[in-house]
Amino acid sequence: MRNTARRAATLGLTATAVCGPLAGASLASPATAPASLHAPSALVLTVGHGESAATAVPLRAVTLTCAPTASGTHPAADAACAELRAAHGDPDALAAEDSVMCTREYAPVVVTVDGVWQGRRLSYERTFANECVKNAGSASVFTF
């Protein structure tokens, strides 16, 4: 039941982030140029405690829109979009901070990224050993 509610919330936030800017598009005249030449990049990021997204209790969720400009509820939208652009939209390619020292405590934290990156579907899940390791995994994308 918890997994169904999480998926419904994620789909609702994704639909709002992707389709929200298009809500007024049907009212435009046919001669009007498109509002943007960028492919859509709108994501929903979640974080929760647990070993997998299926069993984790979501603690926080944010939206992140990167095209045409950075926006959303992510606290560092500009930096997160820049970081994702540098990684070509691949969360696995995000550079980890080498200078951060974390304890070896095992308190698993799972992050998910769902949505669209430059016009293609993106669904990502990763479990970190603890909150410190999660925050060291990227400068801004997973720090919310």
N, C-alpha and C. Protein backbone atom coordinates (compact mmCIF):
# COMPACT_ATOMS: atom_id res chain seq x y z
N MET A 1 0.83 -1.19 0.00
CA MET A 1 0.00 0.00 0.00
C MET A 1 0.87 1.25 0.00
N ARG A 2 1.94 1.23 0.81
CA ARG A 2 2.82 2.38 0.91
C ARG A 2 3.49 2.66 -0.44
N ASN A 3 3.87 1.60 -1.16
CA ASN A 3 4.53 1.73 -2.46
C ASN A 3 3.56 2.32 -3.48
N THR A 4 2.28 1.93 -3.44
CA THR A 4 1.28 2.48 -4.36
C THR A 4 1.09 3.96 -4.12
N ALA A 5 1.04 4.38 -2.87
CA ALA A 5 0.89 5.80 -2.54
C ALA A 5 2.10 6.60 -3.00
N ARG A 6 3.29 6.03 -2.84
CA ARG A 6 4.52 6.71 -3.27
C ARG A 6 4.53 6.89 -4.78
N ARG A 7 4.14 5.84 -5.50
CA ARG A 7 4.11 5.94 -6.97
C ARG A 7 3.07 6.94 -7.43
N ALA A 8 1.91 6.96 -6.79
CA ALA A 8 0.87 7.91 -7.17
C ALA A 8 1.34 9.34 -6.93
N ALA A 9 2.01 9.58 -5.80
CA ALA A 9 2.53 10.92 -5.51
C ALA A 9 3.60 11.31 -6.51
N THR A 10 4.50 10.37 -6.85
CA THR A 10 5.56 10.65 -7.82
C THR A 10 4.98 10.96 -9.18
N LEU A 11 4.00 10.16 -9.62
CA LEU A 11 3.38 10.41 -10.92
C LEU A 11 2.66 11.75 -10.95
N GLY A 12 1.99 12.09 -9.85
CA GLY A 12 1.30 13.38 -9.78
C GLY A 12 2.27 14.55 -9.86
N LEU A 13 3.38 14.47 -9.10
CA LEU A 13 4.38 15.54 -9.15
C LEU A 13 5.05 15.62 -10.51
N THR A 14 5.33 14.46 -11.13
CA THR A 14 5.95 14.45 -12.45
C THR A 14 5.02 15.08 -13.47
N ALA A 15 3.74 14.70 -13.45
CA ALA A 15 2.78 15.25 -14.39
C ALA A 15 2.66 16.76 -14.22
N THR A 16 2.64 17.23 -12.99
CA THR A 16 2.55 18.66 -12.74
C THR A 16 3.80 19.38 -13.24
N ALA A 17 4.97 18.80 -12.99
CA ALA A 17 6.22 19.44 -13.40
C ALA A 17 6.37 19.47 -14.92
N VAL A 18 5.95 18.39 -15.59
CA VAL A 18 6.11 18.32 -17.04
C VAL A 18 4.99 19.04 -17.76
N CYS A 19 3.75 18.84 -17.33
CA CYS A 19 2.60 19.38 -18.05
C CYS A 19 2.16 20.75 -17.57
N GLY A 20 2.56 21.14 -16.36
CA GLY A 20 2.14 22.43 -15.82
C GLY A 20 2.45 23.60 -16.74
N PRO A 21 3.70 23.71 -17.26
CA PRO A 21 4.01 24.82 -18.15
C PRO A 21 3.25 24.76 -19.47
N LEU A 22 2.69 23.60 -19.81
CA LEU A 22 1.98 23.46 -21.08
C LEU A 22 0.51 23.77 -20.96
N ALA A 23 0.02 24.03 -19.75
CA ALA A 23 -1.41 24.21 -19.53
C ALA A 23 -2.00 25.32 -20.38
N GLY A 24 -1.30 26.40 -20.58
CA GLY A 24 -1.82 27.51 -21.37
C GLY A 24 -1.49 27.41 -22.84
N ALA A 25 -0.77 26.39 -23.27
CA ALA A 25 -0.31 26.28 -24.66
C ALA A 25 -1.46 26.11 -25.63
N SER A 26 -2.55 25.46 -25.22
CA SER A 26 -3.66 25.24 -26.14
C SER A 26 -4.38 26.53 -26.46
N LEU A 27 -4.20 27.57 -25.68
CA LEU A 27 -4.86 28.85 -25.93
C LEU A 27 -4.09 29.72 -26.90
N ALA A 28 -2.87 29.35 -27.23
CA ALA A 28 -2.04 30.17 -28.12
C ALA A 28 -2.52 30.03 -29.55
N SER A 29 -2.32 31.09 -30.34
CA SER A 29 -2.72 31.04 -31.74
C SER A 29 -1.75 30.17 -32.52
N PRO A 30 -2.18 29.58 -33.66
CA PRO A 30 -1.31 28.69 -34.43
C PRO A 30 -0.06 29.39 -34.95
N ALA A 31 -0.09 30.70 -35.14
CA ALA A 31 1.04 31.43 -35.68
C ALA A 31 2.10 31.72 -34.63
N THR A 32 1.81 31.45 -33.36
CA THR A 32 2.74 31.74 -32.28
C THR A 32 3.89 30.74 -32.30
N ALA A 33 5.10 31.24 -32.14
CA ALA A 33 6.28 30.37 -32.10
C ALA A 33 6.28 29.59 -30.81
N PRO A 34 6.93 28.42 -30.78
CA PRO A 34 6.99 27.64 -29.54
C PRO A 34 7.69 28.44 -28.44
N ALA A 35 7.25 28.21 -27.20
CA ALA A 35 7.81 28.94 -26.07
C ALA A 35 9.26 28.57 -25.82
N SER A 36 9.65 27.35 -26.18
CA SER A 36 11.00 26.90 -25.91
C SER A 36 11.44 25.91 -26.97
N LEU A 37 12.71 25.95 -27.31
CA LEU A 37 13.27 25.00 -28.26
C LEU A 37 14.00 23.88 -27.53
N HIS A 38 13.93 23.89 -26.20
CA HIS A 38 14.61 22.89 -25.38
C HIS A 38 13.70 21.69 -25.16
N ALA A 39 14.27 20.50 -25.16
CA ALA A 39 13.51 19.31 -24.77
C ALA A 39 13.21 19.41 -23.29
N PRO A 40 12.08 18.88 -22.84
CA PRO A 40 11.73 19.01 -21.42
C PRO A 40 12.70 18.26 -20.51
N SER A 41 12.99 18.85 -19.38
CA SER A 41 13.78 18.23 -18.33
C SER A 41 13.11 18.56 -17.01
N ALA A 42 12.26 17.65 -16.55
CA ALA A 42 11.52 17.84 -15.32
C ALA A 42 11.59 16.55 -14.52
N LEU A 43 12.04 16.66 -13.28
CA LEU A 43 12.28 15.48 -12.45
C LEU A 43 11.62 15.62 -11.08
N VAL A 44 11.31 14.49 -10.49
CA VAL A 44 10.87 14.41 -9.09
C VAL A 44 11.91 13.59 -8.37
N LEU A 45 12.51 14.16 -7.34
CA LEU A 45 13.53 13.48 -6.55
C LEU A 45 12.95 13.19 -5.17
N THR A 46 13.17 11.97 -4.66
CA THR A 46 12.71 11.62 -3.32
C THR A 46 13.87 11.04 -2.53
N VAL A 47 13.77 11.13 -1.23
CA VAL A 47 14.75 10.52 -0.33
C VAL A 47 13.98 9.90 0.84
N GLY A 48 14.45 8.73 1.25
CA GLY A 48 13.81 8.05 2.37
C GLY A 48 14.79 7.10 3.04
N HIS A 49 14.45 6.65 4.23
CA HIS A 49 15.29 5.71 4.96
C HIS A 49 14.85 4.29 4.61
N GLY A 50 15.81 3.46 4.25
CA GLY A 50 15.53 2.08 3.91
C GLY A 50 16.51 1.58 2.87
N GLU A 51 16.39 0.32 2.51
CA GLU A 51 17.32 -0.28 1.58
C GLU A 51 16.85 -0.26 0.14
N SER A 52 15.56 -0.01 -0.10
CA SER A 52 15.05 0.09 -1.46
C SER A 52 13.86 1.03 -1.47
N ALA A 53 13.55 1.56 -2.64
CA ALA A 53 12.42 2.48 -2.75
C ALA A 53 11.10 1.79 -2.45
N ALA A 54 11.04 0.49 -2.71
CA ALA A 54 9.81 -0.26 -2.48
C ALA A 54 9.47 -0.37 -0.99
N THR A 55 10.49 -0.37 -0.14
CA THR A 55 10.25 -0.53 1.30
C THR A 55 10.54 0.72 2.11
N ALA A 56 11.18 1.72 1.51
CA ALA A 56 11.55 2.93 2.24
C ALA A 56 10.35 3.82 2.48
N VAL A 57 10.40 4.52 3.58
CA VAL A 57 9.38 5.52 3.89
C VAL A 57 9.91 6.85 3.36
N PRO A 58 9.25 7.44 2.35
CA PRO A 58 9.75 8.71 1.81
C PRO A 58 9.72 9.81 2.87
N LEU A 59 10.84 10.54 3.00
CA LEU A 59 10.93 11.64 3.95
C LEU A 59 10.72 12.98 3.27
N ARG A 60 11.30 13.14 2.09
CA ARG A 60 11.21 14.40 1.36
C ARG A 60 11.08 14.12 -0.13
N ALA A 61 10.44 15.04 -0.83
CA ALA A 61 10.35 14.98 -2.29
C ALA A 61 10.44 16.41 -2.81
N VAL A 62 11.17 16.58 -3.90
CA VAL A 62 11.29 17.90 -4.52
C VAL A 62 11.13 17.75 -6.03
N THR A 63 10.77 18.84 -6.68
CA THR A 63 10.71 18.86 -8.14
C THR A 63 11.90 19.66 -8.64
N LEU A 64 12.35 19.31 -9.83
CA LEU A 64 13.48 19.99 -10.45
C LEU A 64 13.23 20.07 -11.95
N THR A 65 13.11 21.28 -12.45
CA THR A 65 12.93 21.52 -13.89
C THR A 65 14.19 22.22 -14.37
N CYS A 66 14.81 21.70 -15.43
CA CYS A 66 16.08 22.25 -15.89
C CYS A 66 16.02 22.89 -17.27
N ALA A 67 14.93 22.76 -17.97
CA ALA A 67 14.85 23.38 -19.30
C ALA A 67 13.49 24.05 -19.44
N PRO A 68 13.43 25.24 -19.88
CA PRO A 68 14.51 26.07 -20.39
C PRO A 68 15.35 26.74 -19.30
N THR A 69 14.79 26.89 -18.09
CA THR A 69 15.57 27.45 -16.98
C THR A 69 15.39 26.57 -15.75
N ALA A 70 16.31 26.70 -14.82
CA ALA A 70 16.25 25.92 -13.58
C ALA A 70 15.14 26.47 -12.69
N SER A 71 14.30 25.55 -12.19
CA SER A 71 13.23 25.95 -11.28
C SER A 71 12.75 24.71 -10.54
N GLY A 72 11.73 24.87 -9.74
CA GLY A 72 11.17 23.77 -8.97
C GLY A 72 11.33 24.02 -7.49
N THR A 73 11.00 22.99 -6.70
CA THR A 73 11.08 23.12 -5.25
C THR A 73 12.43 22.70 -4.70
N HIS A 74 13.33 22.25 -5.57
CA HIS A 74 14.68 21.87 -5.11
C HIS A 74 15.35 23.12 -4.56
N PRO A 75 15.98 23.05 -3.37
CA PRO A 75 16.56 24.24 -2.75
C PRO A 75 17.75 24.84 -3.51
N ALA A 76 18.40 24.07 -4.36
CA ALA A 76 19.54 24.57 -5.15
C ALA A 76 19.33 24.16 -6.61
N ALA A 77 18.23 24.61 -7.20
CA ALA A 77 17.85 24.18 -8.55
C ALA A 77 18.93 24.52 -9.59
N ASP A 78 19.49 25.72 -9.55
CA ASP A 78 20.51 26.10 -10.53
C ASP A 78 21.72 25.18 -10.46
N ALA A 79 22.23 24.96 -9.26
CA ALA A 79 23.42 24.12 -9.09
C ALA A 79 23.11 22.66 -9.43
N ALA A 80 21.93 22.16 -9.06
CA ALA A 80 21.57 20.77 -9.35
C ALA A 80 21.45 20.56 -10.86
N CYS A 81 20.85 21.51 -11.57
CA CYS A 81 20.72 21.39 -13.03
C CYS A 81 22.10 21.43 -13.69
N ALA A 82 22.97 22.31 -13.22
CA ALA A 82 24.32 22.40 -13.78
C ALA A 82 25.07 21.09 -13.56
N GLU A 83 24.91 20.52 -12.38
CA GLU A 83 25.58 19.26 -12.06
C GLU A 83 25.05 18.12 -12.94
N LEU A 84 23.74 18.07 -13.15
CA LEU A 84 23.15 17.04 -14.01
C LEU A 84 23.56 17.23 -15.47
N ARG A 85 23.62 18.49 -15.92
CA ARG A 85 24.06 18.75 -17.30
C ARG A 85 25.50 18.25 -17.50
N ALA A 86 26.36 18.50 -16.54
CA ALA A 86 27.76 18.06 -16.63
C ALA A 86 27.86 16.53 -16.67
N ALA A 87 26.90 15.86 -16.04
CA ALA A 87 26.86 14.38 -16.02
C ALA A 87 26.01 13.83 -17.16
N HIS A 88 25.57 14.69 -18.08
CA HIS A 88 24.73 14.30 -19.22
C HIS A 88 23.44 13.61 -18.76
N GLY A 89 22.91 14.07 -17.61
CA GLY A 89 21.67 13.53 -17.10
C GLY A 89 21.77 12.16 -16.46
N ASP A 90 22.98 11.67 -16.24
CA ASP A 90 23.18 10.35 -15.65
C ASP A 90 23.54 10.48 -14.17
N PRO A 91 22.59 10.19 -13.26
CA PRO A 91 22.88 10.32 -11.83
C PRO A 91 24.06 9.45 -11.36
N ASP A 92 24.32 8.33 -12.04
CA ASP A 92 25.46 7.49 -11.66
C ASP A 92 26.79 8.17 -11.97
N ALA A 93 26.79 9.14 -12.88
CA ALA A 93 28.02 9.81 -13.28
C ALA A 93 28.33 11.04 -12.43
N LEU A 94 27.49 11.33 -11.44
CA LEU A 94 27.75 12.48 -10.58
C LEU A 94 29.03 12.26 -9.80
N ALA A 95 29.85 13.28 -9.72
CA ALA A 95 31.15 13.17 -9.06
C ALA A 95 30.99 13.22 -7.54
N ALA A 96 31.55 12.24 -6.87
CA ALA A 96 31.53 12.21 -5.41
C ALA A 96 32.61 13.13 -4.87
N GLU A 97 32.34 13.73 -3.74
CA GLU A 97 33.29 14.63 -3.07
C GLU A 97 34.33 13.78 -2.35
N ASP A 98 35.60 13.91 -2.77
CA ASP A 98 36.67 13.10 -2.19
C ASP A 98 37.09 13.53 -0.79
N SER A 99 36.91 14.80 -0.47
CA SER A 99 37.42 15.31 0.81
C SER A 99 36.48 15.07 1.99
N VAL A 100 35.29 14.55 1.75
CA VAL A 100 34.33 14.31 2.82
C VAL A 100 34.65 12.99 3.53
N MET A 101 34.72 13.04 4.84
CA MET A 101 34.96 11.85 5.65
C MET A 101 33.64 11.45 6.32
N CYS A 102 33.18 10.25 6.05
CA CYS A 102 31.93 9.76 6.63
C CYS A 102 32.20 8.57 7.53
N THR A 103 31.33 8.38 8.50
CA THR A 103 31.45 7.22 9.38
C THR A 103 31.03 5.97 8.62
N ARG A 104 31.34 4.83 9.17
CA ARG A 104 30.95 3.57 8.54
C ARG A 104 29.62 3.06 9.08
N GLU A 105 28.89 3.94 9.70
CA GLU A 105 27.57 3.60 10.22
C GLU A 105 26.65 3.17 9.07
N TYR A 106 25.89 2.10 9.28
CA TYR A 106 24.96 1.66 8.25
C TYR A 106 23.55 2.06 8.66
N ALA A 107 23.07 3.11 8.03
CA ALA A 107 21.71 3.61 8.19
C ALA A 107 21.24 3.96 6.79
N PRO A 108 20.82 2.97 5.99
CA PRO A 108 20.59 3.16 4.56
C PRO A 108 19.61 4.26 4.23
N VAL A 109 19.98 5.01 3.19
CA VAL A 109 19.17 6.09 2.66
C VAL A 109 19.02 5.83 1.17
N VAL A 110 17.79 5.84 0.69
CA VAL A 110 17.53 5.59 -0.73
C VAL A 110 17.02 6.87 -1.40
N VAL A 111 17.56 7.16 -2.58
CA VAL A 111 17.10 8.30 -3.37
C VAL A 111 16.53 7.77 -4.68
N THR A 112 15.50 8.45 -5.17
CA THR A 112 14.94 8.12 -6.47
C THR A 112 14.86 9.38 -7.30
N VAL A 113 15.00 9.21 -8.60
CA VAL A 113 14.83 10.30 -9.56
C VAL A 113 13.92 9.76 -10.65
N ASP A 114 12.78 10.40 -10.84
CA ASP A 114 11.83 9.99 -11.87
C ASP A 114 11.40 11.21 -12.66
N GLY A 115 11.27 11.03 -13.97
CA GLY A 115 10.78 12.12 -14.82
C GLY A 115 11.36 12.04 -16.21
N VAL A 116 11.65 13.21 -16.75
CA VAL A 116 12.14 13.33 -18.12
C VAL A 116 13.40 14.18 -18.11
N TRP A 117 14.44 13.70 -18.78
CA TRP A 117 15.68 14.48 -18.93
C TRP A 117 15.93 14.67 -20.42
N GLN A 118 15.90 15.90 -20.87
CA GLN A 118 16.11 16.27 -22.27
C GLN A 118 15.29 15.40 -23.21
N GLY A 119 14.03 15.23 -22.85
CA GLY A 119 13.08 14.52 -23.70
C GLY A 119 13.04 13.02 -23.55
N ARG A 120 13.92 12.42 -22.75
CA ARG A 120 13.88 10.97 -22.57
C ARG A 120 13.57 10.61 -21.11
N ARG A 121 12.86 9.52 -20.93
CA ARG A 121 12.42 9.06 -19.62
C ARG A 121 13.62 8.69 -18.75
N LEU A 122 13.56 9.08 -17.49
CA LEU A 122 14.62 8.78 -16.53
C LEU A 122 13.99 8.21 -15.26
N SER A 123 14.45 7.04 -14.86
CA SER A 123 14.02 6.41 -13.62
C SER A 123 15.27 5.85 -12.96
N TYR A 124 15.57 6.34 -11.75
CA TYR A 124 16.83 6.02 -11.09
C TYR A 124 16.57 5.77 -9.62
N GLU A 125 17.26 4.80 -9.06
CA GLU A 125 17.19 4.51 -7.63
C GLU A 125 18.59 4.13 -7.16
N ARG A 126 18.98 4.68 -6.01
CA ARG A 126 20.28 4.32 -5.44
C ARG A 126 20.19 4.35 -3.92
N THR A 127 20.81 3.36 -3.30
CA THR A 127 20.85 3.29 -1.85
C THR A 127 22.26 3.63 -1.38
N PHE A 128 22.34 4.57 -0.45
CA PHE A 128 23.62 4.98 0.14
C PHE A 128 23.69 4.40 1.55
N ALA A 129 24.90 4.18 2.05
CA ALA A 129 25.09 3.59 3.37
C ALA A 129 24.52 4.46 4.49
N ASN A 130 24.62 5.78 4.34
CA ASN A 130 24.07 6.70 5.34
C ASN A 130 23.91 8.08 4.71
N GLU A 131 23.37 9.00 5.47
CA GLU A 131 23.08 10.36 4.98
C GLU A 131 24.35 11.09 4.54
N CYS A 132 25.44 10.91 5.26
CA CYS A 132 26.70 11.56 4.92
C CYS A 132 27.20 11.10 3.55
N VAL A 133 27.14 9.81 3.30
CA VAL A 133 27.59 9.26 2.01
C VAL A 133 26.69 9.78 0.89
N LYS A 134 25.38 9.88 1.15
CA LYS A 134 24.44 10.43 0.16
C LYS A 134 24.81 11.86 -0.20
N ASN A 135 25.06 12.68 0.81
CA ASN A 135 25.40 14.08 0.56
C ASN A 135 26.75 14.25 -0.12
N ALA A 136 27.67 13.32 0.11
CA ALA A 136 28.97 13.38 -0.54
C ALA A 136 28.90 12.89 -1.98
N GLY A 137 27.81 12.20 -2.33
CA GLY A 137 27.65 11.64 -3.67
C GLY A 137 27.43 12.66 -4.76
N SER A 138 27.04 13.86 -4.39
CA SER A 138 26.85 14.94 -5.36
C SER A 138 26.92 16.25 -4.60
N ALA A 139 27.31 17.29 -5.29
CA ALA A 139 27.42 18.60 -4.64
C ALA A 139 26.06 19.16 -4.29
N SER A 140 25.05 18.95 -5.15
CA SER A 140 23.76 19.56 -4.87
C SER A 140 22.54 18.73 -5.26
N VAL A 141 22.65 17.81 -6.20
CA VAL A 141 21.48 17.10 -6.69
C VAL A 141 20.76 16.38 -5.56
N PHE A 142 21.47 15.62 -4.74
CA PHE A 142 20.84 14.83 -3.69
C PHE A 142 20.79 15.52 -2.34
N THR A 143 21.20 16.78 -2.26
CA THR A 143 21.18 17.49 -0.98
C THR A 143 19.93 18.38 -0.92
N PHE A 144 18.87 17.78 -0.45
CA PHE A 144 17.61 18.53 -0.27
C PHE A 144 16.89 18.01 0.96
